[in-house]
Amino acid sequence: MALFIKDQTVDALAERYQAAIKAKTKTEAVRQALERALRDPDTKQDYVDRMVAWSKDFNARTQQSETEYDEKAFIDSLYEEN
């Protein structure tokens, strides 16, 4: 069965994807894209979960405790005359 895409935008996207993955035909490119989408339906959520975990880890590693940072001393140093 031949693949016929009426929408020009969708057809152009299929052609770009075909070139990107070096598929022999547009049909093969669309088949691979659909298989990937159906195989990995939670990929987007996994990405979000990974980014949230990374952000929490980053914040935990870079956060200074209040005893390490003296805001008053810092502000006072801005007004000192050198």
N, C-alpha and C. Protein backbone atom coordinates (compact mmCIF):
# COMPACT_ATOMS: atom_id res chain seq x y z
N MET A 1 0.85 -1.18 0.00
CA MET A 1 0.00 0.00 0.00
C MET A 1 0.90 1.24 0.00
N ALA A 2 0.61 2.14 -0.88
CA ALA A 2 1.40 3.37 -1.01
C ALA A 2 0.96 4.39 0.04
N LEU A 3 1.89 5.22 0.42
CA LEU A 3 1.60 6.28 1.38
C LEU A 3 1.35 7.57 0.63
N PHE A 4 0.19 8.17 0.86
CA PHE A 4 -0.14 9.43 0.23
C PHE A 4 -0.53 10.41 1.33
N ILE A 5 0.23 11.48 1.44
CA ILE A 5 -0.03 12.50 2.46
C ILE A 5 -0.56 13.74 1.75
N LYS A 6 -1.78 14.13 2.10
CA LYS A 6 -2.42 15.27 1.44
C LYS A 6 -1.89 16.61 1.95
N ASP A 7 -1.62 16.68 3.23
CA ASP A 7 -1.18 17.93 3.85
C ASP A 7 0.28 18.20 3.46
N GLN A 8 0.54 19.35 2.85
CA GLN A 8 1.89 19.67 2.39
C GLN A 8 2.88 19.82 3.54
N THR A 9 2.43 20.37 4.65
CA THR A 9 3.31 20.55 5.80
C THR A 9 3.73 19.20 6.37
N VAL A 10 2.76 18.30 6.51
CA VAL A 10 3.07 16.96 7.02
C VAL A 10 3.97 16.22 6.05
N ASP A 11 3.71 16.38 4.75
CA ASP A 11 4.54 15.74 3.74
C ASP A 11 5.99 16.24 3.83
N ALA A 12 6.15 17.54 4.01
CA ALA A 12 7.49 18.12 4.13
C ALA A 12 8.20 17.61 5.39
N LEU A 13 7.45 17.50 6.48
CA LEU A 13 8.02 16.96 7.72
C LEU A 13 8.46 15.52 7.53
N ALA A 14 7.64 14.74 6.86
CA ALA A 14 7.98 13.34 6.60
C ALA A 14 9.24 13.24 5.75
N GLU A 15 9.37 14.11 4.76
CA GLU A 15 10.56 14.11 3.92
C GLU A 15 11.80 14.52 4.71
N ARG A 16 11.66 15.51 5.57
CA ARG A 16 12.80 15.92 6.41
C ARG A 16 13.22 14.80 7.34
N TYR A 17 12.23 14.12 7.93
CA TYR A 17 12.54 13.01 8.83
C TYR A 17 13.19 11.87 8.06
N GLN A 18 12.70 11.61 6.86
CA GLN A 18 13.28 10.58 6.00
C GLN A 18 14.76 10.86 5.76
N ALA A 19 15.07 12.10 5.44
CA ALA A 19 16.46 12.48 5.19
C ALA A 19 17.30 12.39 6.47
N ALA A 20 16.70 12.78 7.59
CA ALA A 20 17.44 12.79 8.86
C ALA A 20 17.83 11.39 9.31
N ILE A 21 16.93 10.43 9.10
CA ILE A 21 17.23 9.06 9.54
C ILE A 21 17.77 8.21 8.40
N LYS A 22 17.87 8.81 7.22
CA LYS A 22 18.39 8.14 6.02
C LYS A 22 17.57 6.90 5.66
N ALA A 23 16.24 7.06 5.75
CA ALA A 23 15.34 5.97 5.35
C ALA A 23 15.24 5.94 3.83
N LYS A 24 15.04 4.74 3.29
CA LYS A 24 14.96 4.60 1.83
C LYS A 24 13.70 5.23 1.26
N THR A 25 12.61 5.13 2.02
CA THR A 25 11.35 5.68 1.53
C THR A 25 10.68 6.51 2.63
N LYS A 26 9.75 7.34 2.19
CA LYS A 26 8.98 8.14 3.14
C LYS A 26 8.11 7.23 4.00
N THR A 27 7.60 6.16 3.41
CA THR A 27 6.78 5.21 4.15
C THR A 27 7.58 4.60 5.29
N GLU A 28 8.82 4.23 5.02
CA GLU A 28 9.69 3.66 6.05
C GLU A 28 9.95 4.67 7.16
N ALA A 29 10.14 5.92 6.81
CA ALA A 29 10.38 6.96 7.80
C ALA A 29 9.16 7.14 8.70
N VAL A 30 7.99 7.19 8.10
CA VAL A 30 6.75 7.35 8.88
C VAL A 30 6.53 6.13 9.77
N ARG A 31 6.80 4.93 9.25
CA ARG A 31 6.64 3.71 10.03
C ARG A 31 7.56 3.74 11.26
N GLN A 32 8.82 4.12 11.06
CA GLN A 32 9.76 4.18 12.18
C GLN A 32 9.34 5.23 13.21
N ALA A 33 8.87 6.37 12.74
CA ALA A 33 8.44 7.42 13.66
C ALA A 33 7.24 6.96 14.48
N LEU A 34 6.29 6.31 13.84
CA LEU A 34 5.10 5.83 14.56
C LEU A 34 5.47 4.72 15.54
N GLU A 35 6.34 3.81 15.13
CA GLU A 35 6.76 2.74 16.04
C GLU A 35 7.46 3.31 17.26
N ARG A 36 8.31 4.30 17.04
CA ARG A 36 9.02 4.92 18.16
C ARG A 36 8.03 5.61 19.10
N ALA A 37 7.07 6.31 18.54
CA ALA A 37 6.09 7.03 19.36
C ALA A 37 5.25 6.05 20.18
N LEU A 38 4.89 4.92 19.59
CA LEU A 38 4.08 3.94 20.32
C LEU A 38 4.91 3.13 21.31
N ARG A 39 6.17 2.93 21.02
CA ARG A 39 7.05 2.16 21.90
C ARG A 39 7.42 2.97 23.14
N ASP A 40 7.60 4.25 23.00
CA ASP A 40 8.07 5.11 24.10
C ASP A 40 7.05 6.18 24.47
N PRO A 41 5.85 5.80 24.89
CA PRO A 41 4.84 6.83 25.18
C PRO A 41 5.17 7.67 26.41
N ASP A 42 6.00 7.13 27.31
CA ASP A 42 6.31 7.86 28.54
C ASP A 42 7.64 8.59 28.47
N THR A 43 8.22 8.70 27.29
CA THR A 43 9.53 9.33 27.15
C THR A 43 9.51 10.77 27.64
N LYS A 44 8.47 11.50 27.31
CA LYS A 44 8.40 12.90 27.72
C LYS A 44 8.34 13.01 29.25
N GLN A 45 7.53 12.17 29.88
CA GLN A 45 7.43 12.21 31.33
C GLN A 45 8.74 11.78 31.98
N ASP A 46 9.41 10.78 31.40
CA ASP A 46 10.71 10.36 31.93
C ASP A 46 11.69 11.53 31.88
N TYR A 47 11.67 12.28 30.80
CA TYR A 47 12.57 13.43 30.65
C TYR A 47 12.28 14.47 31.73
N VAL A 48 11.01 14.74 31.96
CA VAL A 48 10.62 15.72 32.98
C VAL A 48 11.08 15.23 34.36
N ASP A 49 10.86 13.96 34.64
CA ASP A 49 11.28 13.41 35.94
C ASP A 49 12.80 13.50 36.12
N ARG A 50 13.55 13.21 35.06
CA ARG A 50 15.02 13.30 35.13
C ARG A 50 15.46 14.73 35.37
N MET A 51 14.82 15.69 34.71
CA MET A 51 15.20 17.09 34.88
C MET A 51 14.85 17.60 36.28
N VAL A 52 13.73 17.16 36.83
CA VAL A 52 13.36 17.55 38.20
C VAL A 52 14.38 16.99 39.18
N ALA A 53 14.76 15.72 39.00
CA ALA A 53 15.75 15.10 39.88
C ALA A 53 17.10 15.81 39.76
N TRP A 54 17.50 16.15 38.53
CA TRP A 54 18.76 16.85 38.32
C TRP A 54 18.73 18.21 39.01
N SER A 55 17.61 18.92 38.86
CA SER A 55 17.48 20.24 39.45
C SER A 55 17.57 20.17 40.98
N LYS A 56 16.89 19.20 41.57
CA LYS A 56 16.95 19.05 43.03
C LYS A 56 18.36 18.72 43.49
N ASP A 57 19.04 17.84 42.76
CA ASP A 57 20.41 17.47 43.10
C ASP A 57 21.33 18.68 42.98
N PHE A 58 21.18 19.44 41.90
CA PHE A 58 22.00 20.63 41.68
C PHE A 58 21.79 21.64 42.80
N ASN A 59 20.53 21.89 43.15
CA ASN A 59 20.23 22.84 44.21
C ASN A 59 20.81 22.39 45.55
N ALA A 60 20.74 21.09 45.81
CA ALA A 60 21.26 20.57 47.08
C ALA A 60 22.77 20.74 47.15
N ARG A 61 23.45 20.57 46.01
CA ARG A 61 24.91 20.68 46.01
C ARG A 61 25.41 22.12 46.03
N THR A 62 24.63 23.04 45.51
CA THR A 62 25.12 24.41 45.39
C THR A 62 24.57 25.35 46.46
N GLN A 63 23.65 24.89 47.24
CA GLN A 63 23.03 25.76 48.23
C GLN A 63 23.96 25.94 49.44
N GLN A 64 24.18 27.17 49.83
CA GLN A 64 24.99 27.45 51.01
C GLN A 64 24.08 27.51 52.23
N SER A 65 24.61 27.05 53.32
CA SER A 65 23.82 27.17 54.53
C SER A 65 23.87 28.62 55.00
N GLU A 66 22.93 28.98 55.84
CA GLU A 66 22.86 30.36 56.31
C GLU A 66 24.07 30.72 57.16
N THR A 67 24.69 29.75 57.81
CA THR A 67 25.85 30.04 58.65
C THR A 67 27.09 30.31 57.80
N GLU A 68 27.14 29.81 56.58
CA GLU A 68 28.30 30.01 55.72
C GLU A 68 28.30 31.39 55.07
N TYR A 69 27.14 32.00 54.93
CA TYR A 69 27.02 33.24 54.19
C TYR A 69 26.46 34.32 55.11
N ASP A 70 27.22 35.37 55.26
CA ASP A 70 26.80 36.48 56.11
C ASP A 70 26.37 37.64 55.21
N GLU A 71 25.08 37.76 55.01
CA GLU A 71 24.56 38.78 54.10
C GLU A 71 24.87 40.19 54.59
N LYS A 72 24.77 40.42 55.89
CA LYS A 72 25.04 41.76 56.41
C LYS A 72 26.49 42.17 56.13
N ALA A 73 27.41 41.25 56.34
CA ALA A 73 28.82 41.56 56.08
C ALA A 73 29.04 41.85 54.60
N PHE A 74 28.37 41.12 53.75
CA PHE A 74 28.50 41.35 52.31
C PHE A 74 27.98 42.74 51.94
N ILE A 75 26.80 43.09 52.43
CA ILE A 75 26.22 44.40 52.11
C ILE A 75 27.07 45.52 52.68
N ASP A 76 27.56 45.34 53.91
CA ASP A 76 28.44 46.35 54.50
C ASP A 76 29.70 46.54 53.66
N SER A 77 30.21 45.46 53.09
CA SER A 77 31.44 45.56 52.28
C SER A 77 31.19 46.37 51.01
N LEU A 78 29.97 46.44 50.56
CA LEU A 78 29.66 47.21 49.36
C LEU A 78 29.77 48.71 49.62
N TYR A 79 29.59 49.11 50.87
CA TYR A 79 29.60 50.53 51.21
C TYR A 79 30.91 51.00 51.81
N GLU A 80 31.86 50.08 51.97
CA GLU A 80 33.16 50.48 52.52
C GLU A 80 33.91 51.32 51.51
N GLU A 81 34.60 52.31 52.03
CA GLU A 81 35.42 53.14 51.16
C GLU A 81 36.81 52.54 51.07
N ASN A 82 37.30 52.43 49.86
CA ASN A 82 38.64 51.84 49.65
C ASN A 82 39.64 52.91 49.37
